[in-house]
Amino acid sequence: MALPIGLQETAQVGMITMSSAWLNAEDDFADTFNDEVHEELRRCMWGTALINVRIHLDDLQRAGRLETLLNGDGKHHLSGTVEFVDPARNNRVLGRFPIRVSTSAQGRVGGLLGDRQMMVSEAFGRAVCEEAFGRNPRDPGPHNATRG
């Protein structure tokens, strides 16, 4: 369910609410996820119409640190459903998208020392921007956890 064209240009991110079934993640995953997704959405939702975002995550798989050390790389995967809702209209759903991302563990060093939760959360936020608004919120480069 695509966002209305006018809303793609006027939306501003409000509250982000994350829900999930059981995920194999650290205790601070929800905080990291909300922070990273909010940061990405602020970069692609620059309008004035306050829109809340509800995200239900259904799968999280992170490359193991030992596996990444032995293999030289690995992949992190995250999938869920994103809904944009209008808080001024009794949380009417304005758009809904399934999102599935995979991102590299960034080699042996990134796999051992990198913040796996941040990497996959940032990639998820970027995918939401691309799917809902047709724009990448960041230029590729070393300032991104996922580099692109």
N, C-alpha and C. Protein backbone atom coordinates (compact mmCIF):
# COMPACT_ATOMS: atom_id res chain seq x y z
N MET A 1 0.86 -1.17 0.00
CA MET A 1 0.00 0.00 0.00
C MET A 1 0.91 1.23 0.00
N ALA A 2 1.01 1.87 -1.14
CA ALA A 2 1.92 3.01 -1.30
C ALA A 2 1.39 4.26 -0.61
N LEU A 3 2.30 5.10 -0.17
CA LEU A 3 1.92 6.39 0.39
C LEU A 3 1.37 7.27 -0.71
N PRO A 4 0.38 8.11 -0.40
CA PRO A 4 -0.09 9.08 -1.39
C PRO A 4 1.06 9.99 -1.82
N ILE A 5 1.09 10.34 -3.10
CA ILE A 5 2.18 11.15 -3.66
C ILE A 5 2.39 12.44 -2.87
N GLY A 6 1.33 13.15 -2.54
CA GLY A 6 1.46 14.40 -1.80
C GLY A 6 2.11 14.21 -0.44
N LEU A 7 1.80 13.09 0.20
CA LEU A 7 2.36 12.82 1.52
C LEU A 7 3.84 12.48 1.44
N GLN A 8 4.27 11.94 0.32
CA GLN A 8 5.69 11.64 0.16
C GLN A 8 6.54 12.91 0.26
N GLU A 9 5.96 14.04 -0.09
CA GLU A 9 6.70 15.30 -0.05
C GLU A 9 6.45 16.11 1.22
N THR A 10 5.37 15.81 1.95
CA THR A 10 5.01 16.64 3.11
C THR A 10 5.16 15.95 4.45
N ALA A 11 5.46 14.65 4.47
CA ALA A 11 5.51 13.90 5.72
C ALA A 11 6.74 14.25 6.56
N GLN A 12 6.53 14.27 7.86
CA GLN A 12 7.61 14.43 8.83
C GLN A 12 7.49 13.29 9.83
N VAL A 13 8.59 12.66 10.18
CA VAL A 13 8.54 11.53 11.09
C VAL A 13 8.16 11.97 12.49
N GLY A 14 7.19 11.26 13.06
CA GLY A 14 6.77 11.49 14.44
C GLY A 14 7.33 10.37 15.31
N MET A 15 6.46 9.71 16.03
CA MET A 15 6.86 8.59 16.89
C MET A 15 7.10 7.34 16.07
N ILE A 16 8.06 6.55 16.49
CA ILE A 16 8.29 5.24 15.90
C ILE A 16 8.00 4.21 16.99
N THR A 17 7.14 3.26 16.64
CA THR A 17 6.79 2.19 17.57
C THR A 17 7.20 0.87 16.94
N MET A 18 8.04 0.12 17.64
CA MET A 18 8.48 -1.17 17.15
C MET A 18 7.84 -2.28 17.97
N SER A 19 7.38 -3.30 17.27
CA SER A 19 6.89 -4.50 17.95
C SER A 19 7.53 -5.69 17.27
N SER A 20 7.50 -6.82 17.94
CA SER A 20 8.06 -8.02 17.34
C SER A 20 7.56 -9.23 18.10
N ALA A 21 7.64 -10.33 17.42
CA ALA A 21 7.52 -11.59 18.12
C ALA A 21 8.88 -11.77 18.79
N TRP A 22 9.20 -12.90 19.25
CA TRP A 22 10.48 -13.13 19.89
C TRP A 22 11.59 -12.98 18.87
N LEU A 23 12.59 -12.15 19.18
CA LEU A 23 13.77 -11.99 18.35
C LEU A 23 15.00 -12.36 19.16
N ASN A 24 15.96 -12.97 18.53
CA ASN A 24 17.21 -13.30 19.20
C ASN A 24 18.13 -12.08 19.11
N ALA A 25 18.02 -11.18 20.07
CA ALA A 25 18.78 -9.93 20.05
C ALA A 25 19.16 -9.54 21.47
N GLU A 26 20.10 -8.60 21.56
CA GLU A 26 20.49 -8.08 22.87
C GLU A 26 19.35 -7.24 23.44
N ASP A 27 19.42 -6.97 24.73
CA ASP A 27 18.37 -6.22 25.41
C ASP A 27 18.15 -4.83 24.84
N ASP A 28 19.21 -4.21 24.33
CA ASP A 28 19.09 -2.83 23.84
C ASP A 28 18.72 -2.76 22.35
N PHE A 29 18.32 -3.88 21.75
CA PHE A 29 18.02 -3.86 20.32
C PHE A 29 16.93 -2.86 19.97
N ALA A 30 15.85 -2.81 20.72
CA ALA A 30 14.74 -1.89 20.41
C ALA A 30 15.21 -0.45 20.42
N ASP A 31 16.03 -0.08 21.38
CA ASP A 31 16.55 1.29 21.44
C ASP A 31 17.45 1.60 20.24
N THR A 32 18.36 0.69 19.95
CA THR A 32 19.26 0.88 18.81
C THR A 32 18.46 0.96 17.52
N PHE A 33 17.52 0.05 17.34
CA PHE A 33 16.71 0.01 16.13
C PHE A 33 15.93 1.31 15.96
N ASN A 34 15.22 1.73 17.00
CA ASN A 34 14.42 2.97 16.91
C ASN A 34 15.30 4.18 16.62
N ASP A 35 16.44 4.28 17.26
CA ASP A 35 17.35 5.41 17.02
C ASP A 35 17.84 5.44 15.58
N GLU A 36 18.28 4.30 15.08
CA GLU A 36 18.83 4.24 13.71
C GLU A 36 17.74 4.50 12.66
N VAL A 37 16.58 3.89 12.82
CA VAL A 37 15.50 4.09 11.85
C VAL A 37 15.02 5.54 11.90
N HIS A 38 14.90 6.10 13.10
CA HIS A 38 14.47 7.50 13.22
C HIS A 38 15.47 8.42 12.52
N GLU A 39 16.76 8.17 12.70
CA GLU A 39 17.78 9.00 12.06
C GLU A 39 17.66 8.93 10.53
N GLU A 40 17.45 7.74 10.00
CA GLU A 40 17.31 7.60 8.55
C GLU A 40 16.03 8.29 8.05
N LEU A 41 14.93 8.09 8.75
CA LEU A 41 13.66 8.69 8.31
C LEU A 41 13.68 10.21 8.39
N ARG A 42 14.38 10.77 9.37
CA ARG A 42 14.50 12.24 9.43
C ARG A 42 15.15 12.80 8.18
N ARG A 43 16.00 12.00 7.55
CA ARG A 43 16.71 12.44 6.36
C ARG A 43 15.86 12.35 5.09
N CYS A 44 14.76 11.60 5.12
CA CYS A 44 13.93 11.49 3.92
C CYS A 44 12.50 11.97 4.14
N MET A 45 12.14 12.31 5.36
CA MET A 45 10.81 12.85 5.68
C MET A 45 11.00 14.26 6.23
N TRP A 46 11.14 15.23 5.36
CA TRP A 46 11.49 16.58 5.79
C TRP A 46 10.32 17.56 5.72
N GLY A 47 9.11 17.06 5.60
CA GLY A 47 7.94 17.93 5.51
C GLY A 47 7.45 18.41 6.86
N THR A 48 6.18 18.81 6.90
CA THR A 48 5.59 19.36 8.13
C THR A 48 4.41 18.55 8.64
N ALA A 49 3.91 17.59 7.87
CA ALA A 49 2.78 16.76 8.31
C ALA A 49 3.31 15.61 9.16
N LEU A 50 3.01 15.67 10.46
CA LEU A 50 3.52 14.68 11.40
C LEU A 50 2.88 13.32 11.15
N ILE A 51 3.70 12.32 10.87
CA ILE A 51 3.24 10.96 10.59
C ILE A 51 4.00 10.01 11.52
N ASN A 52 3.25 9.13 12.19
CA ASN A 52 3.87 8.13 13.05
C ASN A 52 4.17 6.88 12.24
N VAL A 53 5.13 6.11 12.73
CA VAL A 53 5.56 4.91 12.03
C VAL A 53 5.47 3.73 12.99
N ARG A 54 4.80 2.68 12.53
CA ARG A 54 4.72 1.43 13.30
C ARG A 54 5.46 0.36 12.52
N ILE A 55 6.34 -0.35 13.22
CA ILE A 55 7.15 -1.37 12.57
C ILE A 55 7.00 -2.67 13.36
N HIS A 56 6.62 -3.71 12.64
CA HIS A 56 6.58 -5.05 13.26
C HIS A 56 7.67 -5.89 12.61
N LEU A 57 8.63 -6.29 13.42
CA LEU A 57 9.74 -7.11 12.93
C LEU A 57 9.41 -8.58 13.12
N ASP A 58 9.68 -9.37 12.09
CA ASP A 58 9.38 -10.79 12.22
C ASP A 58 10.60 -11.70 12.10
N ASP A 59 11.75 -11.15 11.70
CA ASP A 59 12.93 -11.99 11.61
C ASP A 59 14.20 -11.15 11.72
N LEU A 60 15.13 -11.61 12.52
CA LEU A 60 16.45 -10.99 12.66
C LEU A 60 17.47 -12.11 12.71
N GLN A 61 18.43 -12.04 11.80
CA GLN A 61 19.53 -13.00 11.81
C GLN A 61 20.81 -12.21 11.63
N ARG A 62 21.72 -12.36 12.59
CA ARG A 62 23.01 -11.68 12.50
C ARG A 62 24.11 -12.71 12.32
N ALA A 63 25.08 -12.35 11.53
CA ALA A 63 26.23 -13.23 11.35
C ALA A 63 26.94 -13.40 12.69
N GLY A 64 27.33 -14.60 13.00
CA GLY A 64 28.06 -14.85 14.24
C GLY A 64 29.47 -14.29 14.16
N ARG A 65 29.96 -13.82 15.29
CA ARG A 65 31.29 -13.22 15.30
C ARG A 65 32.37 -14.26 14.96
N LEU A 66 32.27 -15.46 15.50
CA LEU A 66 33.25 -16.50 15.22
C LEU A 66 33.15 -16.93 13.75
N GLU A 67 31.93 -17.09 13.25
CA GLU A 67 31.72 -17.45 11.84
C GLU A 67 32.34 -16.41 10.91
N THR A 68 32.15 -15.14 11.24
CA THR A 68 32.71 -14.07 10.41
C THR A 68 34.23 -14.08 10.47
N LEU A 69 34.79 -14.33 11.62
CA LEU A 69 36.25 -14.41 11.76
C LEU A 69 36.79 -15.55 10.90
N LEU A 70 36.14 -16.69 10.92
CA LEU A 70 36.63 -17.85 10.17
C LEU A 70 36.39 -17.71 8.67
N ASN A 71 35.24 -17.19 8.26
CA ASN A 71 34.88 -17.10 6.84
C ASN A 71 35.33 -15.81 6.18
N GLY A 72 35.65 -14.81 6.95
CA GLY A 72 36.06 -13.53 6.39
C GLY A 72 34.93 -12.57 6.13
N ASP A 73 33.70 -13.03 6.23
CA ASP A 73 32.54 -12.14 6.07
C ASP A 73 31.29 -12.90 6.48
N GLY A 74 30.22 -12.19 6.54
CA GLY A 74 28.93 -12.76 6.88
C GLY A 74 27.84 -11.77 6.51
N LYS A 75 26.61 -12.16 6.74
CA LYS A 75 25.46 -11.30 6.41
C LYS A 75 24.54 -11.18 7.61
N HIS A 76 23.98 -9.97 7.75
CA HIS A 76 22.93 -9.72 8.73
C HIS A 76 21.64 -9.54 7.95
N HIS A 77 20.53 -10.11 8.45
CA HIS A 77 19.23 -10.02 7.78
C HIS A 77 18.18 -9.53 8.76
N LEU A 78 17.25 -8.72 8.27
CA LEU A 78 16.15 -8.22 9.09
C LEU A 78 14.95 -8.02 8.18
N SER A 79 13.78 -8.46 8.65
CA SER A 79 12.57 -8.26 7.86
C SER A 79 11.41 -7.89 8.77
N GLY A 80 10.47 -7.15 8.18
CA GLY A 80 9.30 -6.74 8.92
C GLY A 80 8.34 -5.97 8.04
N THR A 81 7.32 -5.44 8.67
CA THR A 81 6.30 -4.64 7.98
C THR A 81 6.26 -3.26 8.60
N VAL A 82 6.24 -2.26 7.74
CA VAL A 82 6.23 -0.86 8.18
C VAL A 82 4.90 -0.24 7.81
N GLU A 83 4.29 0.46 8.77
CA GLU A 83 3.05 1.19 8.52
C GLU A 83 3.27 2.66 8.87
N PHE A 84 2.79 3.53 8.01
CA PHE A 84 2.76 4.96 8.27
C PHE A 84 1.33 5.29 8.66
N VAL A 85 1.17 5.94 9.83
CA VAL A 85 -0.18 6.24 10.33
C VAL A 85 -0.30 7.72 10.66
N ASP A 86 -1.51 8.23 10.50
CA ASP A 86 -1.80 9.64 10.75
C ASP A 86 -2.36 9.80 12.16
N PRO A 87 -1.58 10.36 13.09
CA PRO A 87 -2.07 10.50 14.46
C PRO A 87 -3.24 11.49 14.56
N ALA A 88 -3.36 12.40 13.60
CA ALA A 88 -4.45 13.38 13.63
C ALA A 88 -5.77 12.77 13.16
N ARG A 89 -5.72 11.60 12.56
CA ARG A 89 -6.93 10.94 12.04
C ARG A 89 -7.09 9.56 12.66
N ASN A 90 -6.98 9.50 13.97
CA ASN A 90 -7.21 8.26 14.72
C ASN A 90 -6.30 7.12 14.23
N ASN A 91 -5.06 7.45 13.93
CA ASN A 91 -4.04 6.48 13.48
C ASN A 91 -4.45 5.71 12.23
N ARG A 92 -5.08 6.41 11.32
CA ARG A 92 -5.46 5.82 10.03
C ARG A 92 -4.19 5.43 9.27
N VAL A 93 -4.16 4.21 8.75
CA VAL A 93 -2.99 3.72 8.01
C VAL A 93 -2.96 4.39 6.65
N LEU A 94 -1.83 5.04 6.37
CA LEU A 94 -1.65 5.76 5.10
C LEU A 94 -0.80 4.98 4.11
N GLY A 95 0.01 4.08 4.60
CA GLY A 95 0.87 3.28 3.75
C GLY A 95 1.41 2.09 4.53
N ARG A 96 1.64 1.00 3.83
CA ARG A 96 2.15 -0.22 4.47
C ARG A 96 3.10 -0.90 3.49
N PHE A 97 4.28 -1.32 3.99
CA PHE A 97 5.30 -1.92 3.14
C PHE A 97 5.98 -3.08 3.85
N PRO A 98 6.19 -4.17 3.16
CA PRO A 98 7.09 -5.19 3.71
C PRO A 98 8.53 -4.76 3.40
N ILE A 99 9.41 -4.93 4.34
CA ILE A 99 10.81 -4.56 4.17
C ILE A 99 11.67 -5.76 4.56
N ARG A 100 12.62 -6.10 3.70
CA ARG A 100 13.59 -7.16 3.98
C ARG A 100 14.95 -6.64 3.56
N VAL A 101 15.91 -6.67 4.47
CA VAL A 101 17.26 -6.20 4.14
C VAL A 101 18.29 -7.24 4.52
N SER A 102 19.38 -7.19 3.80
CA SER A 102 20.58 -7.97 4.10
C SER A 102 21.75 -7.01 3.96
N THR A 103 22.67 -7.09 4.88
CA THR A 103 23.85 -6.24 4.81
C THR A 103 25.08 -7.02 5.24
N SER A 104 26.20 -6.64 4.74
CA SER A 104 27.46 -7.30 5.03
C SER A 104 27.89 -7.05 6.48
N ALA A 105 28.57 -8.02 7.03
CA ALA A 105 29.15 -7.87 8.37
C ALA A 105 30.43 -7.05 8.32
N GLN A 106 30.86 -6.64 7.13
CA GLN A 106 32.04 -5.78 6.92
C GLN A 106 33.35 -6.47 7.21
N GLY A 107 33.46 -7.74 6.83
CA GLY A 107 34.73 -8.46 6.94
C GLY A 107 35.06 -8.88 8.36
N ARG A 108 36.27 -9.37 8.53
CA ARG A 108 36.69 -9.90 9.84
C ARG A 108 36.67 -8.84 10.93
N VAL A 109 37.21 -7.68 10.64
CA VAL A 109 37.28 -6.64 11.66
C VAL A 109 35.88 -6.13 12.02
N GLY A 110 35.08 -5.83 11.00
CA GLY A 110 33.71 -5.38 11.25
C GLY A 110 32.88 -6.43 11.95
N GLY A 111 33.08 -7.69 11.57
CA GLY A 111 32.35 -8.79 12.20
C GLY A 111 32.69 -8.97 13.66
N LEU A 112 33.95 -8.71 14.00
CA LEU A 112 34.37 -8.87 15.39
C LEU A 112 34.06 -7.66 16.25
N LEU A 113 34.26 -6.46 15.69
CA LEU A 113 34.16 -5.24 16.50
C LEU A 113 32.93 -4.40 16.20
N GLY A 114 32.28 -4.63 15.06
CA GLY A 114 31.17 -3.78 14.64
C GLY A 114 29.90 -4.00 15.45
N ASP A 115 29.06 -3.01 15.43
CA ASP A 115 27.76 -3.08 16.10
C ASP A 115 26.76 -3.69 15.11
N ARG A 116 26.55 -4.99 15.22
CA ARG A 116 25.68 -5.72 14.29
C ARG A 116 24.27 -5.17 14.28
N GLN A 117 23.78 -4.81 15.45
CA GLN A 117 22.42 -4.27 15.55
C GLN A 117 22.30 -2.94 14.81
N MET A 118 23.31 -2.09 14.96
CA MET A 118 23.29 -0.80 14.29
C MET A 118 23.35 -0.98 12.78
N MET A 119 24.21 -1.87 12.31
CA MET A 119 24.35 -2.09 10.87
C MET A 119 23.04 -2.48 10.22
N VAL A 120 22.39 -3.48 10.79
CA VAL A 120 21.16 -3.99 10.18
C VAL A 120 20.00 -3.01 10.39
N SER A 121 19.99 -2.27 11.48
CA SER A 121 18.94 -1.29 11.73
C SER A 121 19.05 -0.11 10.77
N GLU A 122 20.28 0.35 10.53
CA GLU A 122 20.49 1.45 9.58
C GLU A 122 20.07 1.02 8.18
N ALA A 123 20.43 -0.19 7.81
CA ALA A 123 20.03 -0.70 6.48
C ALA A 123 18.52 -0.77 6.37
N PHE A 124 17.84 -1.16 7.44
CA PHE A 124 16.38 -1.23 7.44
C PHE A 124 15.79 0.17 7.26
N GLY A 125 16.30 1.15 7.99
CA GLY A 125 15.81 2.52 7.86
C GLY A 125 16.00 3.07 6.47
N ARG A 126 17.15 2.78 5.89
CA ARG A 126 17.42 3.24 4.53
C ARG A 126 16.46 2.58 3.54
N ALA A 127 16.17 1.30 3.73
CA ALA A 127 15.23 0.59 2.84
C ALA A 127 13.83 1.15 2.96
N VAL A 128 13.43 1.57 4.17
CA VAL A 128 12.11 2.19 4.34
C VAL A 128 12.04 3.49 3.53
N CYS A 129 13.09 4.30 3.60
CA CYS A 129 13.12 5.54 2.83
C CYS A 129 13.03 5.28 1.34
N GLU A 130 13.76 4.30 0.88
CA GLU A 130 13.76 3.99 -0.55
C GLU A 130 12.40 3.46 -1.00
N GLU A 131 11.80 2.60 -0.20
CA GLU A 131 10.51 2.00 -0.57
C GLU A 131 9.37 3.01 -0.49
N ALA A 132 9.30 3.77 0.58
CA ALA A 132 8.17 4.68 0.80
C ALA A 132 8.31 6.00 0.07
N PHE A 133 9.54 6.51 -0.04
CA PHE A 133 9.74 7.86 -0.58
C PHE A 133 10.58 7.90 -1.85
N GLY A 134 11.11 6.75 -2.25
CA GLY A 134 11.90 6.68 -3.47
C GLY A 134 13.21 7.42 -3.41
N ARG A 135 13.76 7.57 -2.21
CA ARG A 135 15.03 8.27 -2.09
C ARG A 135 15.89 7.64 -1.00
N ASN A 136 17.19 7.62 -1.27
CA ASN A 136 18.17 7.13 -0.31
C ASN A 136 18.53 8.29 0.59
N PRO A 137 18.39 8.14 1.90
CA PRO A 137 18.67 9.26 2.80
C PRO A 137 20.13 9.62 2.95
N ARG A 138 21.02 8.77 2.51
CA ARG A 138 22.45 9.02 2.70
C ARG A 138 23.23 8.67 1.44
N ASP A 139 24.30 9.38 1.27
CA ASP A 139 25.23 9.02 0.22
C ASP A 139 26.07 7.84 0.71
N PRO A 140 26.46 6.95 -0.19
CA PRO A 140 27.34 5.86 0.23
C PRO A 140 28.67 6.41 0.73
N GLY A 141 29.26 5.74 1.70
CA GLY A 141 30.55 6.17 2.20
C GLY A 141 30.86 5.59 3.56
N PRO A 142 32.02 5.87 4.09
CA PRO A 142 32.45 5.29 5.35
C PRO A 142 31.68 5.83 6.55
N HIS A 143 30.91 6.93 6.39
CA HIS A 143 30.12 7.47 7.49
C HIS A 143 28.87 6.64 7.75
N ASN A 144 28.59 5.65 6.91
CA ASN A 144 27.45 4.76 7.08
C ASN A 144 27.90 3.44 7.66
N ALA A 145 27.11 2.88 8.55
CA ALA A 145 27.43 1.57 9.10
C ALA A 145 27.43 0.51 8.00
N THR A 146 26.57 0.69 7.01
CA THR A 146 26.43 -0.29 5.94
C THR A 146 27.16 0.12 4.67
N ARG A 147 27.74 1.29 4.66
CA ARG A 147 28.53 1.80 3.54
C ARG A 147 27.76 1.84 2.23
N GLY A 148 26.50 2.10 2.26
CA GLY A 148 25.89 2.25 0.97
C GLY A 148 24.48 2.08 0.95
